[in-house]
Protein backbone atom coordinates (compact mmCIF):
# COMPACT_ATOMS: atom_id res chain seq x y z
CA SER A 1 0.05 0.09 -0.22
CA THR A 2 0.99 3.78 -0.10
CA THR A 3 -0.51 6.92 1.32
CA LEU A 4 -1.73 9.23 -0.86
CA THR A 5 -2.23 13.25 0.30
CA GLY A 6 -4.53 15.93 -1.21
CA SER A 7 -5.13 19.35 -0.23
CA PRO A 8 -7.13 21.45 0.52
CA GLY A 9 -9.55 19.35 2.36
CA PRO A 10 -11.97 18.06 3.12
CA GLY A 11 -11.93 15.61 0.28
CA THR A 12 -12.67 11.88 -1.06
CA TRP A 13 -10.57 9.28 -3.04
CA SER A 14 -11.61 7.27 -5.35
CA SER A 15 -10.00 4.78 -7.80
CA SER A 16 -10.88 4.09 -11.53
CA THR A 17 -10.03 0.59 -11.73
CA THR A 18 -10.39 -1.18 -8.26
CA SER A 19 -8.87 -4.34 -9.50
CA VAL A 20 -5.72 -2.55 -9.96
CA ALA A 21 -5.90 -0.83 -6.86
CA THR A 22 -8.34 0.59 -4.22
CA ILE A 23 -8.16 3.22 -2.29
CA ASN A 24 -9.76 4.55 1.09
CA SER A 25 -12.10 7.52 0.50
CA SER A 26 -10.92 9.66 3.66
CA THR A 27 -7.59 8.42 4.33
CA GLY A 28 -5.90 8.28 0.73
CA VAL A 29 -4.40 4.69 1.51
CA ALA A 30 -4.18 2.85 -1.71
CA THR A 31 -3.94 -0.61 -1.79
CA ALA A 32 -2.40 -2.51 -5.03
CA GLY A 33 -4.50 -5.17 -6.47
CA VAL A 34 -2.75 -6.50 -9.68
CA ALA A 35 -0.30 -5.14 -12.01
CA GLY A 36 -1.43 -2.15 -14.15
CA THR A 37 -2.74 1.12 -14.06
CA THR A 38 -5.62 3.17 -12.46
CA VAL A 39 -6.74 6.82 -12.25
CA ILE A 40 -6.72 8.04 -8.43
CA THR A 41 -9.27 11.09 -8.27
CA TYR A 42 -9.29 13.63 -5.01
CA ARG A 43 -12.48 15.53 -5.06
CA LEU A 44 -13.08 18.54 -2.80
CA THR A 45 -16.45 17.98 -0.76
CA THR A 46 -17.26 21.54 -0.61
CA THR A 47 -16.93 22.46 -4.66
CA SER A 48 -16.70 19.05 -6.25
CA CYS A 49 -13.52 20.21 -8.06
CA TYR A 50 -11.03 17.45 -7.93
CA ARG A 51 -7.46 16.58 -9.15
CA THR A 52 -6.56 13.14 -10.80
CA GLU A 53 -3.25 11.09 -11.07
CA VAL A 54 -2.19 7.85 -12.71
CA LEU A 55 -1.29 5.14 -10.06
CA THR A 56 0.85 2.43 -11.45
CA VAL A 57 1.16 -0.76 -9.78
CA ASN A 58 3.88 -2.98 -10.46
CA GLN A 59 4.19 -6.56 -10.65
CA LEU A 60 6.29 -8.54 -8.25
CA PRO A 61 9.02 -10.81 -8.62
CA SER A 62 7.65 -14.39 -9.28
CA VAL A 63 7.63 -16.69 -6.44
CA ILE A 64 11.14 -17.66 -5.17
CA THR A 65 11.91 -21.12 -6.20
CA GLY A 66 14.79 -23.49 -5.21
CA PRO A 67 15.51 -25.88 -2.41
CA ALA A 68 13.45 -25.45 0.56
CA ALA A 69 16.37 -26.39 2.80
CA VAL A 70 20.32 -26.07 3.07
CA CYS A 71 23.00 -27.65 5.10
CA VAL A 72 25.40 -25.61 7.02
CA ASN A 73 28.59 -24.95 4.76
CA GLU A 74 26.81 -25.90 1.84
CA THR A 75 25.70 -23.73 -1.29
CA VAL A 76 22.61 -23.57 -3.52
CA THR A 77 20.87 -20.97 -5.97
CA MET A 78 17.49 -19.73 -5.59
CA ASN A 79 15.65 -18.43 -8.48
CA SER A 80 12.73 -15.76 -9.09
CA THR A 81 12.15 -13.77 -12.41
CA PRO A 82 12.52 -10.99 -13.96
CA THR A 83 16.05 -11.55 -13.70
CA GLY A 84 18.50 -8.85 -12.79
CA GLY A 85 17.56 -7.84 -9.46
CA THR A 86 18.99 -8.22 -6.12
CA TRP A 87 19.24 -10.88 -3.49
CA SER A 88 19.27 -10.30 0.01
CA SER A 89 18.91 -11.88 3.62
CA PRO A 90 18.44 -10.07 6.68
CA SER A 91 19.61 -13.39 8.69
CA ALA A 92 22.58 -14.55 10.16
CA PHE A 93 21.95 -18.18 9.17
CA VAL A 94 22.92 -17.57 5.66
CA THR A 95 25.13 -15.73 3.52
CA VAL A 96 23.57 -14.53 -0.17
CA VAL A 97 25.32 -13.48 -3.41
CA PRO A 98 23.38 -10.25 -4.44
CA GLY A 99 23.77 -10.74 -7.99
CA THR A 100 23.41 -14.77 -8.24
CA GLY A 101 20.94 -16.01 -5.61
CA GLU A 102 24.12 -18.33 -4.22
CA VAL A 103 22.83 -18.83 -0.64
CA THR A 104 25.09 -20.64 1.52
CA GLY A 105 24.32 -21.90 5.03
CA ALA A 106 25.91 -20.21 8.06
CA GLY A 107 24.07 -21.38 10.99
CA ALA A 108 21.28 -23.88 11.69
CA GLY A 109 17.92 -22.00 11.47
CA LEU A 110 15.00 -20.50 9.23
CA ALA A 111 16.23 -17.63 7.27
CA THR A 112 14.26 -15.03 5.18
CA LEU A 113 15.14 -14.54 1.23
CA SER A 114 14.26 -11.27 -0.50
CA TYR A 115 14.60 -10.73 -4.10
CA ALA A 116 13.90 -6.89 -5.35
CA ASN A 117 13.16 -5.90 -8.80
CA GLY A 118 15.93 -3.95 -10.26
CA THR A 119 13.63 -1.52 -12.00
CA THR A 120 10.55 -1.22 -9.64
CA GLY A 121 12.22 -1.88 -6.52
CA CYS A 122 9.32 -4.60 -5.77
CA VAL A 123 10.37 -7.24 -3.27
CA ARG A 124 9.37 -10.87 -3.45
CA THR A 125 10.16 -12.69 0.03
CA GLY A 126 10.71 -16.51 0.83
CA THR A 127 12.44 -18.81 3.37
CA ILE A 128 15.12 -21.38 3.66
CA ASN A 129 15.66 -23.65 6.56
CA VAL A 130 19.28 -24.18 7.26
CA ASN A 131 20.15 -27.45 8.59
CA PRO A 132 23.11 -28.47 10.80
CA ILE A 133 26.08 -30.69 9.72
CA PRO A 134 27.28 -33.78 12.05
CA ASN A 135 30.13 -32.75 14.02
CA ALA A 136 33.68 -32.97 12.69
CA ILE A 137 35.21 -36.67 11.88
CA THR A 138 38.11 -37.76 14.09
CA GLY A 139 40.76 -40.17 14.11
CA SER A 140 43.77 -41.15 12.11
CA PHE A 141 42.98 -40.50 8.42
CA GLN A 142 46.16 -42.62 7.25
CA VAL A 143 45.56 -46.52 7.04
CA CYS A 144 48.06 -49.05 4.96
CA GLU A 145 46.37 -51.77 2.55
CA GLY A 146 45.00 -54.32 4.07
CA LEU A 147 44.84 -52.71 7.76
CA THR A 148 41.99 -50.50 9.66
CA THR A 149 41.57 -47.01 10.74
CA THR A 150 38.45 -46.17 13.23
CA LEU A 151 36.88 -43.07 12.48
CA ALA A 152 34.23 -41.28 14.68
CA THR A 153 31.69 -38.27 15.10
CA SER A 154 30.10 -37.40 18.26
CA SER A 155 26.93 -37.09 16.46
CA THR A 156 23.99 -39.79 15.96
CA GLY A 157 21.62 -40.73 13.33
CA GLY A 158 23.71 -41.00 10.38
CA THR A 159 25.29 -43.29 8.08
CA TRP A 160 29.15 -43.65 6.66
CA THR A 161 29.93 -43.96 3.29
CA ALA A 162 33.56 -44.01 1.34
CA SER A 163 33.75 -42.42 -2.13
CA ASN A 164 36.57 -44.78 -3.55
CA PRO A 165 35.35 -48.03 -2.78
CA ALA A 166 38.82 -49.55 -4.58
CA ALA A 167 40.95 -47.93 -2.08
CA GLY A 168 38.97 -48.97 1.01
CA THR A 169 35.36 -49.42 2.38
CA ILE A 170 33.62 -48.40 5.64
CA ASP A 171 31.42 -50.10 7.88
CA GLY A 172 28.43 -48.65 10.04
CA SER A 173 30.57 -48.41 12.84
CA GLY A 174 33.18 -45.99 11.25
CA VAL A 175 35.99 -48.59 10.96
CA TYR A 176 37.85 -48.14 7.35
CA THR A 177 39.58 -50.89 6.00
CA GLY A 178 42.30 -49.89 3.35
CA ILE A 179 42.30 -52.23 0.25
CA SER A 180 44.55 -50.59 -2.44
CA GLY A 181 46.66 -47.86 -2.06
CA THR A 182 47.53 -47.89 -6.05
CA PRO A 183 48.24 -45.36 -7.65
CA ALA A 184 50.17 -44.58 -4.46
CA PRO A 185 48.76 -43.03 -2.30
CA ALA A 186 44.86 -43.74 -2.74
CA VAL A 187 42.72 -40.96 -1.58
CA SER A 188 39.01 -41.79 -0.51
CA ARG A 189 36.93 -39.21 0.82
CA VAL A 190 34.61 -40.56 3.65
CA SER A 191 31.36 -38.84 4.74
CA TYR A 192 29.26 -39.14 7.90
CA THR A 193 25.40 -38.26 6.43
CA PHE A 194 22.45 -37.17 8.51
CA VAL A 195 19.81 -39.66 7.64
CA SER A 196 16.77 -37.12 8.30
CA THR A 197 18.36 -34.11 6.14
CA GLY A 198 21.11 -35.54 4.00
CA CYS A 199 23.65 -33.07 5.68
CA ARG A 200 27.02 -34.60 5.95
CA VAL A 201 30.58 -34.29 7.21
CA THR A 202 33.48 -35.57 5.14
CA ALA A 203 37.13 -36.05 5.56
CA ASP A 204 40.09 -37.75 3.17
CA VAL A 205 41.46 -40.80 3.95
CA THR A 206 44.97 -41.87 2.36
CA VAL A 207 45.75 -45.36 1.93
CA ASN A 208 49.19 -46.17 1.43
CA SER A 209 50.76 -49.15 -0.27
CA LEU A 210 52.97 -51.81 1.55
CA PRO A 211 56.36 -52.12 0.59
CA ALA A 212 57.28 -55.00 -1.84
CA THR A 213 57.76 -58.39 -0.55
CA ILE A 214 61.13 -58.84 1.12
CA VAL A 215 63.49 -60.55 -0.97
CA GLY A 216 66.34 -62.51 1.17
CA SER A 217 67.46 -65.61 2.80
CA SER A 218 64.63 -67.01 5.45
CA GLY A 219 68.08 -68.83 7.32
CA PHE A 220 71.53 -68.21 7.34
CA CYS A 221 74.55 -69.10 9.56
CA ASN A 222 75.27 -67.06 12.53
CA PHE A 223 78.44 -64.99 12.36
CA THR A 224 77.66 -64.48 8.73
CA GLU A 225 76.03 -61.45 7.05
CA THR A 226 73.13 -61.30 4.53
CA VAL A 227 71.40 -58.34 2.86
CA TYR A 228 67.78 -58.07 2.21
CA THR A 229 65.91 -55.71 0.24
CA SER A 230 62.51 -54.22 -0.49
CA SER A 231 60.87 -51.38 -2.37
CA PRO A 232 60.31 -48.47 -2.34
CA ALA A 233 63.30 -47.27 -1.08
CA GLY A 234 63.82 -45.02 1.92
CA GLY A 235 62.50 -47.55 4.74
CA VAL A 236 64.14 -49.02 7.79
CA TRP A 237 64.97 -52.22 8.80
CA THR A 238 64.37 -53.80 12.30
CA SER A 239 64.51 -56.92 13.90
CA ASN A 240 62.33 -58.08 16.94
CA ASN A 241 65.25 -60.27 18.03
CA PRO A 242 68.33 -58.46 18.09
CA THR A 243 70.22 -61.07 19.81
CA ALA A 244 69.62 -63.41 16.98
CA ILE A 245 69.50 -61.27 14.00
CA ASP A 246 70.56 -57.71 13.93
CA PHE A 247 70.72 -54.75 11.52
CA ILE A 248 74.06 -53.19 11.84
CA THR A 249 73.02 -50.71 9.10
CA PRO A 250 69.46 -50.43 9.24
CA THR A 251 68.76 -48.58 6.28
CA PRO A 252 70.51 -50.69 3.45
CA GLY A 253 69.40 -53.78 5.09
CA GLU A 254 72.36 -55.52 5.69
CA ALA A 255 71.64 -58.10 8.47
CA THR A 256 74.18 -60.10 10.86
CA ALA A 257 73.40 -63.16 12.54
CA VAL A 258 74.76 -62.69 16.03
CA GLY A 259 73.51 -65.92 17.45
CA VAL A 260 71.03 -68.44 17.16
CA GLY A 261 67.31 -68.27 17.09
CA THR A 262 64.18 -66.89 15.01
CA ALA A 263 63.43 -63.26 14.24
CA THR A 264 60.83 -61.35 12.41
CA ILE A 265 62.63 -58.67 10.35
CA THR A 266 60.53 -55.85 9.33
CA TYR A 267 60.94 -53.03 6.82
CA THR A 268 58.96 -49.96 7.28
CA LEU A 269 58.39 -47.07 5.14
CA PRO A 270 57.98 -43.48 6.45
CA THR A 271 54.10 -43.77 5.85
CA GLY A 272 54.12 -46.42 8.61
CA CYS A 273 53.37 -49.37 6.30
CA ILE A 274 55.63 -52.61 6.65
CA ARG A 275 56.43 -55.60 5.19
CA THR A 276 57.57 -58.54 7.15
CA LYS A 277 59.72 -61.70 7.22
CA ASP A 278 60.37 -64.60 9.45
CA VAL A 279 63.95 -65.52 9.31
CA PHE A 280 65.99 -68.08 11.56
CA THR A 281 69.47 -68.37 12.05
CA ILE A 282 71.68 -71.74 11.96
CA PHE A 283 74.45 -72.61 14.36
CA ALA A 284 77.92 -72.04 12.59
CA PRO A 285 81.31 -73.15 13.56
CA TYR A 286 83.44 -70.52 15.59
CA PRO A 287 86.69 -69.40 13.98
CA ILE A 288 89.23 -72.08 13.13
CA THR A 289 92.25 -71.36 15.51
CA GLY A 290 95.79 -72.59 15.02
CA ALA A 291 98.84 -71.42 12.66
CA ASP A 292 98.10 -69.75 9.65
CA ASP A 293 101.10 -71.24 7.57
CA VAL A 294 103.00 -74.27 7.53
CA CYS A 295 106.08 -75.26 5.83
CA VAL A 296 106.70 -77.79 3.25
CA GLY A 297 107.14 -80.87 4.61
CA ASP A 298 105.80 -79.87 8.05
CA THR A 299 102.49 -79.94 9.81
CA VAL A 300 100.52 -77.73 11.79
CA THR A 301 97.31 -78.72 14.13
CA VAL A 302 94.08 -76.61 13.53
CA ALA A 303 91.03 -76.69 15.96
CA ASP A 304 87.32 -75.49 16.20
CA THR A 305 85.41 -75.12 19.57
CA ILE A 306 82.63 -76.86 18.01
CA ALA A 307 83.20 -81.00 17.56
CA GLY A 308 81.78 -83.02 14.86
CA GLY A 309 82.25 -81.23 11.80
CA VAL A 310 83.93 -82.07 8.55
CA TRP A 311 87.45 -80.71 7.38
CA SER A 312 88.34 -79.89 3.80
CA ILE A 313 91.40 -78.19 2.09
CA SER A 314 90.59 -76.41 -1.02
CA ALA A 315 93.81 -77.16 -2.71
CA PRO A 316 94.91 -80.88 -2.14
CA GLY A 317 97.98 -80.37 -4.35
CA ILE A 318 99.36 -77.45 -2.05
CA ALA A 319 98.39 -78.82 1.27
CA SER A 320 96.65 -82.06 2.92
CA ILE A 321 94.44 -82.19 5.66
CA THR A 322 93.74 -85.16 8.01
CA PRO A 323 91.21 -85.32 11.09
CA ALA A 324 92.76 -85.91 14.49
CA THR A 325 89.79 -85.55 16.72
CA LEU A 326 86.47 -84.54 16.84
CA ASN A 327 87.39 -80.98 16.37
CA THR A 328 90.89 -80.98 15.12
CA ALA A 329 93.20 -81.80 12.22
CA ILE A 330 96.35 -81.75 10.83
CA VAL A 331 97.46 -79.68 7.99
CA GLY A 332 100.72 -80.71 5.97
CA GLY A 333 102.54 -78.48 3.61
CA LEU A 334 103.01 -80.24 0.33
CA VAL A 335 104.16 -77.36 -1.81
CA ALA A 336 104.33 -73.51 -1.63
CA GLY A 337 101.05 -71.82 -2.11
CA ASN A 338 97.88 -71.21 -0.57
CA ALA A 339 95.07 -73.19 0.32
CA ASN A 340 91.73 -72.70 2.44
CA VAL A 341 91.05 -74.98 5.17
CA THR A 342 87.02 -75.38 5.84
CA TYR A 343 85.39 -77.02 8.67
CA THR A 344 81.64 -77.82 7.76
CA LEU A 345 78.95 -78.63 10.31
CA SER A 346 75.80 -81.04 9.68
CA THR A 347 73.98 -77.47 9.14
CA GLY A 348 75.86 -76.68 6.25
CA CYS A 349 77.27 -73.60 8.09
CA PHE A 350 81.12 -73.66 7.91
CA SER A 351 84.18 -71.65 9.02
CA ILE A 352 87.37 -70.80 6.62
CA LYS A 353 91.17 -70.24 7.26
CA ASN A 354 93.37 -69.24 4.64
CA MET A 355 96.75 -71.40 5.12
CA THR A 356 100.00 -70.29 3.54
CA VAL A 357 102.55 -73.11 2.62
CA ASN A 358 105.89 -71.60 2.77
CA PRO A 359 108.93 -73.04 1.00
CA ILE A 360 111.89 -74.80 2.81
CA PRO A 361 115.31 -73.46 2.17
CA SER A 362 117.48 -75.56 -0.40
CA GLY A 363 120.17 -78.20 0.96
CA ILE A 364 122.83 -76.99 2.89
CA THR A 365 126.25 -77.56 1.34
CA GLY A 366 129.85 -77.65 2.75
CA ALA A 367 132.14 -80.23 4.80
CA GLN A 368 129.85 -81.57 7.49
CA THR A 369 132.65 -83.00 9.69
CA VAL A 370 135.05 -80.69 11.39
CA CYS A 371 137.68 -81.14 13.96
CA GLU A 372 137.74 -79.85 17.51
CA GLY A 373 138.76 -76.46 18.00
CA LEU A 374 138.38 -75.84 14.11
CA THR A 375 135.86 -74.66 11.65
CA THR A 376 133.95 -75.25 8.48
CA ASP A 377 131.78 -73.31 6.16
CA LEU A 378 128.57 -74.38 5.60
CA ASP A 379 126.32 -72.59 2.68
CA ASN A 380 122.84 -72.33 1.33
CA ILE A 381 121.56 -70.57 -1.94
CA THR A 382 118.30 -69.47 -0.10
CA PRO A 383 119.24 -66.01 0.86
CA GLY A 384 117.38 -64.33 4.22
CA GLY A 385 117.80 -67.29 6.77
CA VAL A 386 119.12 -67.65 10.03
CA TRP A 387 121.59 -69.82 11.31
CA SER A 388 121.23 -72.09 14.45
CA SER A 389 122.81 -75.33 16.35
CA SER A 390 120.86 -77.88 18.04
CA ASP A 391 123.58 -78.44 20.66
CA VAL A 392 126.11 -75.41 20.99
CA THR A 393 128.25 -77.53 23.61
CA ILE A 394 128.91 -79.50 20.04
């Protein structure tokens, strides 16, 4: 409505087309009906003289259309005609883009929307209900293939879903199971959605790939070393039983058997994903003791702390070996050179000692009888030796 005034008074008001607008005959309050024009007349009571004006009733924008509800932090677009008007809202529950009608939920509640015709200023109003979203999802958002992580929210009345079932699945309790981290890492958006309103809260879960299967021996002799490998690079090697198997250098995977027993070795990537392998160590001989060299034609005794092994020589043409007791052997020099003496247990584990066979000097020449108080010159063509007598009284 609008209030018209005329002077002097008293006078009466009238409208030529009451379907367009009616007017109170005494107060001049005109109330719009339908869009169009009507002639408004103000007539003086005393003289019947009058004045007229054309009153235009502008058409309202069309009824606002669009979703009846929106979630907090969700954006929807409202519509009305004619286009080109301005959107607004006095409510703190929404924010509105004036030129597009994009409405974003800011807080739970009922919000009033207004659309003003840019030409006439006529306004159409409507409402939209802003529904709350569930409380934030908590838990660990990193998981390895084949393992689980439990997600939670303090809200109730919702259901769990995952956007990438190839990467992982989630059950009704929020337990997310990683299936595949390929391409690594795989990401899945997890949602908790209110059944009653469809409003949801989301979180991204990263599924990391496991390391490749560990390559290396499942058993090796103690006092020896072996190398284990996996991929990708950058992981760390550990043993759950370092008294049996220990990683002296945990990055390259060089393992040392320091005792007899079993251990689970683990390769851990920076993501925390692991690959394991069960390994055992076999009892091996201790290092072989005894001389490291022997002269041609002489013998030396070698031994090992553990009894019951088998002795062998790598070059039987250079040296011979003859078992003497349960854990000793006699090595005889045959010709000058080098040979490996090996002591092998029934487990297949062994110890090795390198044996050098040294040449003997050539024969002593010169008179080999001499009178008391006199001398004789003895000689040897092999230089570098030292002369000695077994009985200096003679």
